[in-house]
Amino acid sequence: MAERQTARDNARKAAATTRARLRAQRAEQQRVMERLAENVMVSLATRDAEVRRCELAAGQALERLVVECGLTAAEASTWCGDLGIREVNRLRRQADADHEPAAVSS
C-alpha cells in the first residue's frame, strides 16, 4: 500500500513539474509574440510616418511647379515621369491640407 501511495505521489510531482515547465514555456512564447507584434506595429507606424513625410515633400514640390512655375497639373504630371493627374492632385491636396491651421472648436 505504501508503494502505491509513493508511486502516486511521484506521479503527481512529475505531473506538477511538467505543468510548471509547460506554463513557463507558454509564458516565454507569449513574451516573444508580444515583442514581435510590437516590432511589427512600430515598424509599420514608422513606415507610415516616413511615407507621409515623403508625400508631403512631393506635394509641396508639385505645388511649386504649378504655382511658381505656372505649369498645369497635367504638365507637372508629365514633368514628373507621367505621375498621373489624380496622384498629382492628391499630393497637392495633401500638402495644402498640412498647411491649413486646425479648426478651433468652440
Protein backbone atom coordinates (compact mmCIF):
# COMPACT_ATOMS: atom_id res chain seq x y z
CA MET A 1 0.00 0.00 0.00
CA ALA A 2 2.82 2.41 0.83
CA GLU A 3 4.45 1.69 -2.51
CA ARG A 4 1.21 2.57 -4.30
CA GLN A 5 0.99 5.90 -2.38
CA THR A 6 4.63 6.67 -3.16
CA ALA A 7 4.08 5.92 -6.85
CA ARG A 8 1.04 8.26 -6.88
CA ASP A 9 2.96 10.99 -5.08
CA ASN A 10 5.84 10.65 -7.52
CA ALA A 11 3.47 10.77 -10.49
CA ARG A 12 1.74 13.86 -9.07
CA LYS A 13 5.10 15.58 -8.53
CA ALA A 14 6.18 14.68 -12.08
CA ALA A 15 2.87 16.00 -13.47
CA ALA A 16 3.22 19.22 -11.48
CA THR A 17 6.78 19.66 -12.72
CA THR A 18 5.65 19.09 -16.31
CA ARG A 19 2.76 21.56 -15.95
CA ALA A 20 5.10 24.16 -14.47
CA ARG A 21 7.59 23.68 -17.32
CA LEU A 22 4.82 23.97 -19.92
CA ARG A 23 3.44 27.11 -18.23
CA ALA A 24 6.91 28.65 -18.28
CA GLN A 25 7.33 27.77 -21.96
CA ARG A 26 3.94 29.26 -22.82
CA ALA A 27 4.75 32.41 -20.85
CA GLU A 28 8.05 32.81 -22.70
CA GLN A 29 6.33 32.19 -26.03
CA GLN A 30 3.75 34.84 -25.09
CA ARG A 31 6.52 37.35 -24.31
CA VAL A 32 8.21 36.60 -27.65
CA MET A 33 4.93 37.06 -29.53
CA GLU A 34 4.24 40.34 -27.72
CA ARG A 35 7.71 41.68 -28.61
CA LEU A 36 7.34 40.61 -32.23
CA ALA A 37 3.86 42.13 -32.53
CA GLU A 38 5.18 45.38 -31.01
CA ASN A 39 8.04 45.38 -33.53
CA VAL A 40 5.54 44.97 -36.37
CA MET A 41 3.37 47.84 -35.13
CA VAL A 42 6.34 50.16 -34.55
CA SER A 43 7.83 49.33 -37.95
CA LEU A 44 4.55 49.99 -39.74
CA ALA A 45 3.95 53.23 -37.87
CA THR A 46 7.49 54.33 -38.73
CA ARG A 47 6.91 53.43 -42.36
CA ASP A 48 3.61 55.31 -42.44
CA ALA A 49 5.22 58.41 -40.96
CA GLU A 50 8.05 58.26 -43.50
CA VAL A 51 5.62 57.80 -46.40
CA ARG A 52 3.60 60.77 -45.15
CA ARG A 53 6.76 62.89 -44.90
CA CYS A 54 7.86 61.92 -48.43
CA GLU A 55 4.40 62.50 -49.88
CA LEU A 56 4.23 65.89 -48.18
CA ALA A 57 7.57 66.88 -49.75
CA ALA A 58 6.38 65.64 -53.16
CA GLY A 59 3.11 67.54 -52.81
CA GLN A 60 4.92 70.73 -51.87
CA ALA A 61 7.24 70.40 -54.86
CA LEU A 62 4.26 69.76 -57.15
CA GLU A 63 2.51 72.81 -55.74
CA ARG A 64 5.58 74.90 -56.52
CA LEU A 65 5.66 73.51 -60.08
CA VAL A 66 2.07 74.62 -60.55
CA VAL A 67 2.09 77.92 -58.67
CA GLU A 68 5.63 79.23 -59.11
CA CYS A 69 6.44 77.72 -62.50
CA GLY A 70 2.98 78.17 -63.96
CA LEU A 71 2.52 74.56 -65.04
CA THR A 72 -0.84 72.89 -65.21
CA ALA A 73 -1.35 69.71 -63.20
CA ALA A 74 -1.12 67.75 -66.47
CA GLU A 75 2.18 69.41 -67.34
CA ALA A 76 3.53 68.78 -63.84
CA SER A 77 2.45 65.17 -64.23
CA THR A 78 4.45 64.88 -67.45
CA TRP A 79 7.48 66.55 -65.89
CA CYS A 80 7.33 64.01 -63.08
CA GLY A 81 7.51 60.94 -65.28
CA ASP A 82 3.82 60.70 -66.09
CA LEU A 83 2.91 60.54 -62.42
CA GLY A 84 -0.78 60.70 -63.16
CA ILE A 85 -3.13 63.65 -62.74
CA ARG A 86 -5.05 62.03 -59.90
CA GLU A 87 -1.84 61.40 -57.97
CA VAL A 88 -0.61 64.95 -58.65
CA ASN A 89 -3.88 66.38 -57.34
CA ARG A 90 -3.93 64.05 -54.32
CA LEU A 91 -0.38 65.00 -53.33
CA ARG A 92 -1.07 68.71 -53.82
CA ARG A 93 -4.26 68.50 -51.70
CA GLN A 94 -2.37 66.63 -49.01
CA ALA A 95 0.39 69.24 -48.94
CA ASP A 96 -2.22 72.01 -48.86
CA ALA A 97 -4.16 70.32 -46.05
CA ASP A 98 -0.99 70.01 -43.98
CA HIS A 99 -0.51 73.77 -44.14
CA GLU A 100 -4.05 74.74 -43.13
CA PRO A 101 -4.46 75.70 -39.49
CA ALA A 102 -6.50 73.26 -37.44
CA ALA A 103 -10.11 74.27 -36.87
CA VAL A 104 -10.72 75.70 -33.44
CA SER A 105 -13.67 74.15 -31.67
CA SER A 106 -15.91 76.37 -29.58
